[in-house]
N, C-alpha and C. Protein backbone atom coordinates (compact mmCIF):
# COMPACT_ATOMS: atom_id res chain seq x y z
N UNK A 1 102.81 2.67 37.72
CA UNK A 1 101.73 2.19 38.49
C UNK A 1 100.40 2.53 37.77
N UNK A 2 99.54 1.54 37.73
CA UNK A 2 98.26 1.72 37.06
C UNK A 2 97.24 2.35 37.95
N UNK A 3 96.36 3.20 37.38
CA UNK A 3 95.29 3.79 38.11
C UNK A 3 93.98 3.10 37.62
N UNK A 4 93.31 2.37 38.53
CA UNK A 4 92.09 1.68 38.18
C UNK A 4 90.80 2.44 38.37
N UNK A 5 90.97 3.69 38.76
CA UNK A 5 89.77 4.59 38.86
C UNK A 5 89.34 5.05 37.51
N UNK A 6 88.13 4.88 37.15
CA UNK A 6 87.62 5.33 35.95
C UNK A 6 86.91 6.62 36.15
N UNK A 7 87.41 7.67 35.49
CA UNK A 7 86.75 8.98 35.62
C UNK A 7 86.08 9.31 34.30
N UNK A 8 85.02 10.00 34.39
CA UNK A 8 84.36 10.40 33.14
C UNK A 8 82.87 10.24 33.37
N UNK A 9 82.11 9.79 32.33
CA UNK A 9 80.70 9.72 32.31
C UNK A 9 80.05 9.27 33.65
N UNK A 10 80.01 8.05 33.90
CA UNK A 10 79.39 7.57 35.12
C UNK A 10 80.28 6.48 35.67
N UNK A 11 80.08 6.19 36.91
CA UNK A 11 80.90 5.15 37.57
C UNK A 11 80.15 3.87 37.34
N UNK A 12 80.93 2.91 36.86
CA UNK A 12 80.31 1.53 36.62
C UNK A 12 80.50 0.69 37.88
N UNK A 13 79.43 0.18 38.39
CA UNK A 13 79.50 -0.65 39.59
C UNK A 13 79.11 -2.08 39.27
N UNK A 14 79.94 -3.04 39.67
CA UNK A 14 79.66 -4.44 39.40
C UNK A 14 78.35 -4.91 40.00
N UNK A 15 77.94 -4.32 41.14
CA UNK A 15 76.67 -4.77 41.75
C UNK A 15 75.46 -4.35 40.85
N UNK A 16 75.64 -3.24 40.08
CA UNK A 16 74.60 -2.89 39.12
C UNK A 16 74.40 -3.93 38.04
N UNK A 17 75.51 -4.51 37.57
CA UNK A 17 75.43 -5.56 36.55
C UNK A 17 74.70 -6.78 37.19
N UNK A 18 75.08 -7.11 38.38
CA UNK A 18 74.47 -8.26 39.08
C UNK A 18 72.96 -8.03 39.27
N UNK A 19 72.58 -6.84 39.69
CA UNK A 19 71.13 -6.52 39.93
C UNK A 19 70.39 -6.66 38.54
N UNK A 20 71.01 -6.15 37.49
CA UNK A 20 70.40 -6.23 36.20
C UNK A 20 70.24 -7.67 35.76
N UNK A 21 71.28 -8.42 35.88
CA UNK A 21 71.24 -9.84 35.44
C UNK A 21 70.23 -10.60 36.23
N UNK A 22 70.22 -10.42 37.57
CA UNK A 22 69.25 -11.09 38.43
C UNK A 22 67.82 -10.67 38.12
N UNK A 23 67.61 -9.37 37.82
CA UNK A 23 66.29 -8.86 37.47
C UNK A 23 65.83 -9.52 36.15
N UNK A 24 66.71 -9.62 35.15
CA UNK A 24 66.37 -10.25 33.90
C UNK A 24 65.99 -11.71 34.08
N UNK A 25 66.81 -12.43 34.83
CA UNK A 25 66.56 -13.85 35.09
C UNK A 25 65.23 -14.05 35.81
N UNK A 26 64.79 -13.09 36.52
CA UNK A 26 63.52 -13.16 37.19
C UNK A 26 62.30 -13.36 36.25
N UNK A 27 62.51 -12.96 35.01
CA UNK A 27 61.45 -13.09 34.00
C UNK A 27 61.64 -14.26 33.08
N UNK A 28 62.61 -15.10 33.29
CA UNK A 28 62.90 -16.20 32.30
C UNK A 28 62.56 -17.58 32.84
N UNK A 29 61.32 -17.77 33.15
CA UNK A 29 60.80 -19.09 33.53
C UNK A 29 61.47 -19.71 34.70
N UNK A 30 61.92 -20.94 34.56
CA UNK A 30 62.53 -21.67 35.64
C UNK A 30 63.87 -21.04 36.12
N UNK A 31 64.45 -20.16 35.33
CA UNK A 31 65.66 -19.47 35.79
C UNK A 31 65.42 -18.52 36.93
N UNK A 32 64.12 -18.36 37.26
CA UNK A 32 63.76 -17.49 38.41
C UNK A 32 64.39 -18.02 39.71
N UNK A 33 64.73 -19.30 39.68
CA UNK A 33 65.35 -19.92 40.87
C UNK A 33 66.71 -19.19 41.20
N UNK A 34 67.43 -18.82 40.19
CA UNK A 34 68.80 -18.21 40.42
C UNK A 34 68.67 -16.93 41.25
N UNK A 35 67.86 -15.95 40.75
CA UNK A 35 67.79 -14.70 41.60
C UNK A 35 67.13 -14.96 42.95
N UNK A 36 66.24 -15.96 43.01
CA UNK A 36 65.61 -16.28 44.31
C UNK A 36 66.69 -16.74 45.32
N UNK A 37 67.60 -17.58 44.85
CA UNK A 37 68.66 -18.06 45.76
C UNK A 37 69.79 -17.07 45.96
N UNK A 38 70.06 -16.21 45.01
CA UNK A 38 71.23 -15.34 45.10
C UNK A 38 70.91 -13.88 45.57
N UNK A 39 69.77 -13.36 45.17
CA UNK A 39 69.56 -11.94 45.38
C UNK A 39 68.20 -11.55 45.91
N UNK A 40 67.48 -12.49 46.56
CA UNK A 40 66.14 -12.15 46.91
C UNK A 40 66.00 -11.07 48.00
N UNK A 41 67.10 -10.73 48.68
CA UNK A 41 67.11 -9.68 49.66
C UNK A 41 67.27 -8.30 49.08
N UNK A 42 67.66 -8.21 47.80
CA UNK A 42 67.84 -6.93 47.14
C UNK A 42 66.43 -6.46 46.71
N UNK A 43 66.04 -5.30 47.19
CA UNK A 43 64.68 -4.81 46.94
C UNK A 43 64.30 -4.69 45.47
N UNK A 44 65.29 -4.22 44.64
CA UNK A 44 65.05 -4.13 43.18
C UNK A 44 64.79 -5.48 42.58
N UNK A 45 65.66 -6.46 42.93
CA UNK A 45 65.52 -7.80 42.35
C UNK A 45 64.21 -8.42 42.86
N UNK A 46 63.90 -8.20 44.15
CA UNK A 46 62.71 -8.80 44.79
C UNK A 46 61.45 -8.29 44.06
N UNK A 47 61.42 -6.99 43.71
CA UNK A 47 60.30 -6.44 42.97
C UNK A 47 60.02 -7.20 41.65
N UNK A 48 61.10 -7.39 40.89
CA UNK A 48 60.99 -8.09 39.65
C UNK A 48 60.81 -9.56 39.82
N UNK A 49 61.39 -10.13 40.88
CA UNK A 49 61.22 -11.56 41.18
C UNK A 49 59.74 -11.87 41.40
N UNK A 50 59.00 -11.02 42.12
CA UNK A 50 57.61 -11.26 42.39
C UNK A 50 56.80 -11.23 41.12
N UNK A 51 57.08 -10.28 40.22
CA UNK A 51 56.30 -10.17 38.98
C UNK A 51 56.67 -11.37 38.07
N UNK A 52 57.95 -11.75 38.04
CA UNK A 52 58.35 -12.89 37.25
C UNK A 52 57.75 -14.17 37.72
N UNK A 53 57.58 -14.27 39.05
CA UNK A 53 56.94 -15.47 39.63
C UNK A 53 55.48 -15.59 39.20
N UNK A 54 54.78 -14.48 39.23
CA UNK A 54 53.40 -14.52 38.76
C UNK A 54 53.32 -14.96 37.29
N UNK A 55 54.18 -14.36 36.45
CA UNK A 55 54.21 -14.72 35.05
C UNK A 55 54.55 -16.25 34.85
N UNK A 56 55.45 -16.73 35.70
CA UNK A 56 55.84 -18.15 35.62
C UNK A 56 54.69 -19.03 35.95
N UNK A 57 53.89 -18.66 37.02
CA UNK A 57 52.74 -19.45 37.39
C UNK A 57 51.68 -19.42 36.27
N UNK A 58 51.52 -18.30 35.61
CA UNK A 58 50.61 -18.23 34.49
C UNK A 58 51.05 -19.13 33.38
N UNK A 59 52.33 -19.15 33.11
CA UNK A 59 52.92 -20.04 32.06
C UNK A 59 52.62 -21.48 32.39
N UNK A 60 52.74 -21.87 33.62
CA UNK A 60 52.53 -23.29 34.08
C UNK A 60 51.05 -23.60 33.90
N UNK A 61 50.15 -22.66 34.30
CA UNK A 61 48.71 -22.90 34.15
C UNK A 61 48.31 -23.04 32.69
N UNK A 62 48.90 -22.18 31.83
CA UNK A 62 48.63 -22.26 30.36
C UNK A 62 49.09 -23.59 29.87
N UNK A 63 50.29 -24.00 30.24
CA UNK A 63 50.84 -25.27 29.77
C UNK A 63 49.94 -26.45 30.16
N UNK A 64 49.52 -26.47 31.41
CA UNK A 64 48.68 -27.54 31.90
C UNK A 64 47.31 -27.46 31.22
N UNK A 65 46.79 -26.25 31.07
CA UNK A 65 45.49 -26.05 30.42
C UNK A 65 45.50 -26.53 28.99
N UNK A 66 46.58 -26.30 28.27
CA UNK A 66 46.63 -26.76 26.88
C UNK A 66 46.54 -28.28 26.82
N UNK A 67 47.14 -28.99 27.79
CA UNK A 67 47.10 -30.43 27.82
C UNK A 67 45.76 -31.00 28.15
N UNK A 68 45.01 -30.27 29.03
CA UNK A 68 43.75 -30.79 29.49
C UNK A 68 42.62 -30.27 28.63
N UNK A 69 42.58 -29.01 28.28
CA UNK A 69 41.48 -28.38 27.54
C UNK A 69 41.97 -28.06 26.10
N UNK A 70 42.44 -29.12 25.38
CA UNK A 70 43.00 -28.83 24.08
C UNK A 70 42.12 -28.06 23.10
N UNK A 71 40.80 -28.14 23.19
CA UNK A 71 40.01 -27.33 22.26
C UNK A 71 40.20 -25.81 22.48
N UNK A 72 40.69 -25.44 23.64
CA UNK A 72 40.93 -24.02 23.95
C UNK A 72 42.34 -23.56 23.65
N UNK A 73 43.07 -24.38 22.91
CA UNK A 73 44.52 -24.01 22.54
C UNK A 73 44.62 -22.61 21.91
N UNK A 74 43.69 -22.21 21.07
CA UNK A 74 43.83 -20.85 20.52
C UNK A 74 43.77 -19.75 21.61
N UNK A 75 42.87 -19.96 22.62
CA UNK A 75 42.84 -19.04 23.74
C UNK A 75 44.09 -19.02 24.53
N UNK A 76 44.62 -20.21 24.83
CA UNK A 76 45.88 -20.33 25.58
C UNK A 76 47.05 -19.69 24.82
N UNK A 77 47.00 -19.87 23.46
CA UNK A 77 48.04 -19.25 22.62
C UNK A 77 48.01 -17.72 22.80
N UNK A 78 46.84 -17.12 22.79
CA UNK A 78 46.73 -15.68 22.97
C UNK A 78 47.21 -15.23 24.37
N UNK A 79 46.91 -16.05 25.35
CA UNK A 79 47.39 -15.73 26.72
C UNK A 79 48.92 -15.78 26.75
N UNK A 80 49.44 -16.78 26.08
CA UNK A 80 50.89 -16.93 26.03
C UNK A 80 51.58 -15.80 25.35
N UNK A 81 50.96 -15.22 24.28
CA UNK A 81 51.51 -14.06 23.59
C UNK A 81 51.50 -12.84 24.59
N UNK A 82 50.41 -12.74 25.33
CA UNK A 82 50.34 -11.65 26.36
C UNK A 82 51.45 -11.84 27.42
N UNK A 83 51.72 -13.00 27.79
CA UNK A 83 52.74 -13.29 28.82
C UNK A 83 54.13 -12.90 28.22
N UNK A 84 54.34 -13.29 26.97
CA UNK A 84 55.63 -12.97 26.37
C UNK A 84 55.86 -11.41 26.29
N UNK A 85 54.77 -10.75 25.90
CA UNK A 85 54.82 -9.25 25.87
C UNK A 85 55.16 -8.68 27.24
N UNK A 86 54.47 -9.20 28.26
CA UNK A 86 54.71 -8.71 29.66
C UNK A 86 56.16 -9.04 30.10
N UNK A 87 56.68 -10.20 29.66
CA UNK A 87 58.06 -10.54 30.00
C UNK A 87 59.01 -9.51 29.35
N UNK A 88 58.77 -9.20 28.13
CA UNK A 88 59.64 -8.22 27.42
C UNK A 88 59.56 -6.88 28.13
N UNK A 89 58.36 -6.42 28.50
CA UNK A 89 58.21 -5.11 29.20
C UNK A 89 58.92 -5.21 30.53
N UNK A 90 58.80 -6.30 31.24
CA UNK A 90 59.51 -6.48 32.53
C UNK A 90 61.03 -6.36 32.39
N UNK A 91 61.58 -7.03 31.39
CA UNK A 91 63.01 -7.04 31.10
C UNK A 91 63.43 -5.61 30.77
N UNK A 92 62.67 -4.92 29.96
CA UNK A 92 62.95 -3.52 29.62
C UNK A 92 62.99 -2.64 30.88
N UNK A 93 62.04 -2.87 31.76
CA UNK A 93 62.02 -2.12 33.01
C UNK A 93 63.28 -2.40 33.80
N UNK A 94 63.73 -3.63 33.86
CA UNK A 94 64.98 -3.97 34.59
C UNK A 94 66.19 -3.22 33.96
N UNK A 95 66.31 -3.34 32.67
CA UNK A 95 67.39 -2.69 31.94
C UNK A 95 67.44 -1.18 32.18
N UNK A 96 66.27 -0.58 32.24
CA UNK A 96 66.13 0.85 32.46
C UNK A 96 66.06 1.25 33.95
N UNK A 97 66.31 0.22 34.77
CA UNK A 97 66.39 0.37 36.27
C UNK A 97 65.09 0.97 36.85
N UNK A 98 63.92 0.47 36.38
CA UNK A 98 62.66 0.96 36.83
C UNK A 98 61.97 -0.16 37.60
N UNK A 99 61.27 0.22 38.65
CA UNK A 99 60.39 -0.68 39.39
C UNK A 99 58.98 -0.26 39.03
N UNK A 100 58.51 -0.68 37.91
CA UNK A 100 57.20 -0.29 37.41
C UNK A 100 56.34 -1.59 37.32
N UNK A 101 55.21 -1.48 37.94
CA UNK A 101 54.27 -2.66 37.96
C UNK A 101 53.78 -2.96 36.54
N UNK A 102 53.79 -4.24 36.20
CA UNK A 102 53.26 -4.68 34.91
C UNK A 102 51.72 -4.66 34.91
N UNK A 103 51.10 -4.39 33.78
CA UNK A 103 49.62 -4.49 33.72
C UNK A 103 49.13 -5.84 34.23
N UNK A 104 48.07 -5.91 35.01
CA UNK A 104 47.43 -7.10 35.52
C UNK A 104 48.34 -7.82 36.52
N UNK A 105 49.54 -8.18 36.13
CA UNK A 105 50.47 -8.97 36.95
C UNK A 105 50.89 -8.23 38.19
N UNK A 106 51.05 -6.88 38.05
CA UNK A 106 51.49 -6.09 39.19
C UNK A 106 50.61 -6.19 40.37
N UNK A 107 49.29 -6.24 40.16
CA UNK A 107 48.33 -6.39 41.27
C UNK A 107 48.54 -7.65 42.01
N UNK A 108 48.82 -8.76 41.29
CA UNK A 108 48.92 -10.06 41.90
C UNK A 108 50.34 -10.17 42.59
N UNK A 109 51.35 -9.55 42.01
CA UNK A 109 52.68 -9.71 42.56
C UNK A 109 52.79 -9.10 43.92
N UNK A 110 51.91 -8.14 44.23
CA UNK A 110 51.98 -7.50 45.60
C UNK A 110 51.66 -8.49 46.68
N UNK A 111 50.94 -9.61 46.31
CA UNK A 111 50.47 -10.58 47.25
C UNK A 111 51.49 -11.77 47.38
N UNK A 112 52.53 -11.75 46.50
CA UNK A 112 53.51 -12.76 46.61
C UNK A 112 54.48 -12.46 47.74
N UNK A 113 54.67 -13.45 48.60
CA UNK A 113 55.53 -13.29 49.77
C UNK A 113 56.82 -14.02 49.57
N UNK A 114 57.86 -13.22 49.25
CA UNK A 114 59.21 -13.89 49.03
C UNK A 114 60.16 -13.31 50.07
């Protein structure tokens, strides 16, 4: 008979993997829809979902702004670099299981009602 209990370091829980995956997807543009539909009631995922939503809105505004105000493309490019850096920080927070507010975005995400 096989024993499926894993003893040792730490206990691995499938829901932790799901929370991590849903948290990461919260920062990946349109893929934010997946954690919104699947895990929005999980407080950890919801925290990252709100920050990811703010970043996604910024991305849309930058994309639209580049089309309308093309002389400002260098400025929009810098904003986009900032967004990418914040996305990376957000994903690192998810992987490290932290609910840490991102600079600037964290203030706005508190007002997002999901």
